[in-house]
Amino acid sequence: MLFLLKYLRYCCFADKTRQGRYATIISGKLGILSERLRKKDWILLEEIGAFSCHLNFRWTAKRHVEKLHQAGYQVWCYTVNNPRQLKHLNNLDAVFSDFPSRFFR
């Protein structure tokens, strides 16, 4: 799976010609990585036909996850190293962690 950082939006998707060329190179599902969910992230999700949205769990609210799910996106949060930090986000599709074994007790 390929995840696009915000800066790729500017260098790879600045115009429709580049977007088309780049999209033909990539085969797979696309996701965006963002610190916080903002309007420009919604625009980018739509532009690239994203599969998922990857957010910093510290700035993600339950309502963000619900809205993204309603729009058909998976929601993954990073970097969660303590499962107790996710009590308010029990409806995530996945997490990134430096200590994944802590989530399997």
Protein backbone atom coordinates (compact mmCIF):
# COMPACT_ATOMS: atom_id res chain seq x y z
CA MET A 1 0.00 0.00 0.00
CA LEU A 2 1.31 3.46 -0.84
CA PHE A 3 0.74 6.43 1.42
CA LEU A 4 1.11 9.95 0.09
CA LEU A 5 2.58 12.61 2.29
CA LYS A 6 1.10 16.07 2.00
CA TYR A 7 4.06 17.41 0.07
CA LEU A 8 3.45 14.93 -2.74
CA ARG A 9 0.22 16.72 -3.44
CA TYR A 10 2.20 19.68 -4.65
CA CYS A 11 4.91 17.88 -6.59
CA CYS A 12 2.86 15.03 -8.08
CA PHE A 13 -0.69 16.29 -8.28
CA ALA A 14 -0.12 19.94 -9.11
CA ASP A 15 -1.88 19.55 -12.44
CA LYS A 16 -4.16 16.99 -14.08
CA THR A 17 -1.49 15.86 -16.56
CA ARG A 18 0.91 14.87 -13.80
CA GLN A 19 -1.90 13.32 -11.82
CA GLY A 20 -2.83 11.09 -14.74
CA ARG A 21 0.77 10.04 -15.42
CA TYR A 22 1.45 9.32 -11.77
CA ALA A 23 -1.78 7.37 -11.33
CA THR A 24 -0.80 5.03 -14.17
CA ILE A 25 2.51 4.23 -12.43
CA ILE A 26 0.86 3.40 -9.11
CA SER A 27 -1.10 0.21 -8.84
CA GLY A 28 -2.66 -0.29 -5.46
CA LYS A 29 -4.58 1.62 -2.86
CA LEU A 30 -3.73 5.18 -1.92
CA GLY A 31 -4.01 6.87 1.44
CA ILE A 32 -3.11 10.29 2.73
CA LEU A 33 -1.07 11.11 5.81
CA SER A 34 -2.01 14.22 7.76
CA GLU A 35 -1.39 15.62 11.21
CA ARG A 36 -4.99 16.86 11.54
CA LEU A 37 -8.05 16.40 9.37
CA ARG A 38 -8.67 19.64 7.49
CA LYS A 39 -10.64 20.77 4.47
CA LYS A 40 -7.63 20.40 2.16
CA ASP A 41 -7.32 16.76 3.27
CA TRP A 42 -10.91 16.09 2.21
CA ILE A 43 -10.11 17.63 -1.16
CA LEU A 44 -6.99 15.49 -1.56
CA LEU A 45 -8.85 12.31 -0.54
CA GLU A 46 -11.32 12.98 -3.34
CA GLU A 47 -8.68 14.04 -5.92
CA ILE A 48 -6.64 10.87 -5.66
CA GLY A 49 -9.51 8.46 -5.06
CA ALA A 50 -8.01 7.49 -1.71
CA PHE A 51 -8.74 4.27 0.14
CA SER A 52 -7.70 5.55 3.57
CA CYS A 53 -6.80 8.52 5.72
CA HIS A 54 -3.94 8.33 8.25
CA LEU A 55 -4.07 10.80 11.13
CA ASN A 56 -2.18 11.63 14.30
CA PHE A 57 -4.31 10.10 17.05
CA ARG A 58 -3.68 13.10 19.33
CA TRP A 59 -5.63 15.38 16.99
CA THR A 60 -8.32 12.92 15.89
CA ALA A 61 -11.81 13.01 17.35
CA LYS A 62 -14.47 10.32 17.17
CA ARG A 63 -16.54 12.56 14.89
CA HIS A 64 -13.64 12.69 12.38
CA VAL A 65 -13.51 8.91 12.24
CA GLU A 66 -17.28 8.67 11.83
CA LYS A 67 -17.34 11.22 8.99
CA LEU A 68 -14.48 9.49 7.18
CA HIS A 69 -16.18 6.11 7.54
CA GLN A 70 -19.45 7.56 6.23
CA ALA A 71 -17.53 8.81 3.19
CA GLY A 72 -16.14 5.31 2.63
CA TYR A 73 -12.55 5.75 3.85
CA GLN A 74 -10.61 3.58 6.26
CA VAL A 75 -9.07 5.48 9.17
CA TRP A 76 -5.65 4.60 10.56
CA CYS A 77 -3.93 6.54 13.36
CA TYR A 78 -0.26 6.94 14.17
CA THR A 79 1.91 6.58 16.38
CA VAL A 80 -0.02 4.92 19.17
CA ASN A 81 2.22 3.22 21.70
CA ASN A 82 -0.23 2.80 24.56
CA PRO A 83 -3.59 1.10 23.90
CA ARG A 84 -5.22 3.15 26.69
CA GLN A 85 -4.62 6.26 24.59
CA LEU A 86 -7.27 5.02 22.16
CA LYS A 87 -10.25 4.72 24.48
CA HIS A 88 -12.01 7.55 22.65
CA LEU A 89 -11.22 6.05 19.22
CA ASN A 90 -12.52 2.52 19.39
CA ASN A 91 -13.74 2.52 15.79
CA LEU A 92 -10.39 2.82 13.96
CA ASP A 93 -9.48 0.43 11.17
CA ALA A 94 -5.79 0.24 12.14
CA VAL A 95 -3.01 1.91 14.11
CA PHE A 96 0.69 2.43 13.63
CA SER A 97 2.77 1.65 16.71
CA ASP A 98 6.37 1.24 17.78
CA PHE A 99 5.16 -1.49 20.16
CA PRO A 100 2.46 -3.55 18.40
CA SER A 101 2.70 -6.39 20.93
CA ARG A 102 1.07 -4.11 23.54
CA PHE A 103 -2.17 -4.31 21.58
CA PHE A 104 -2.41 -8.13 21.77
CA ARG A 105 -2.72 -8.81 25.49
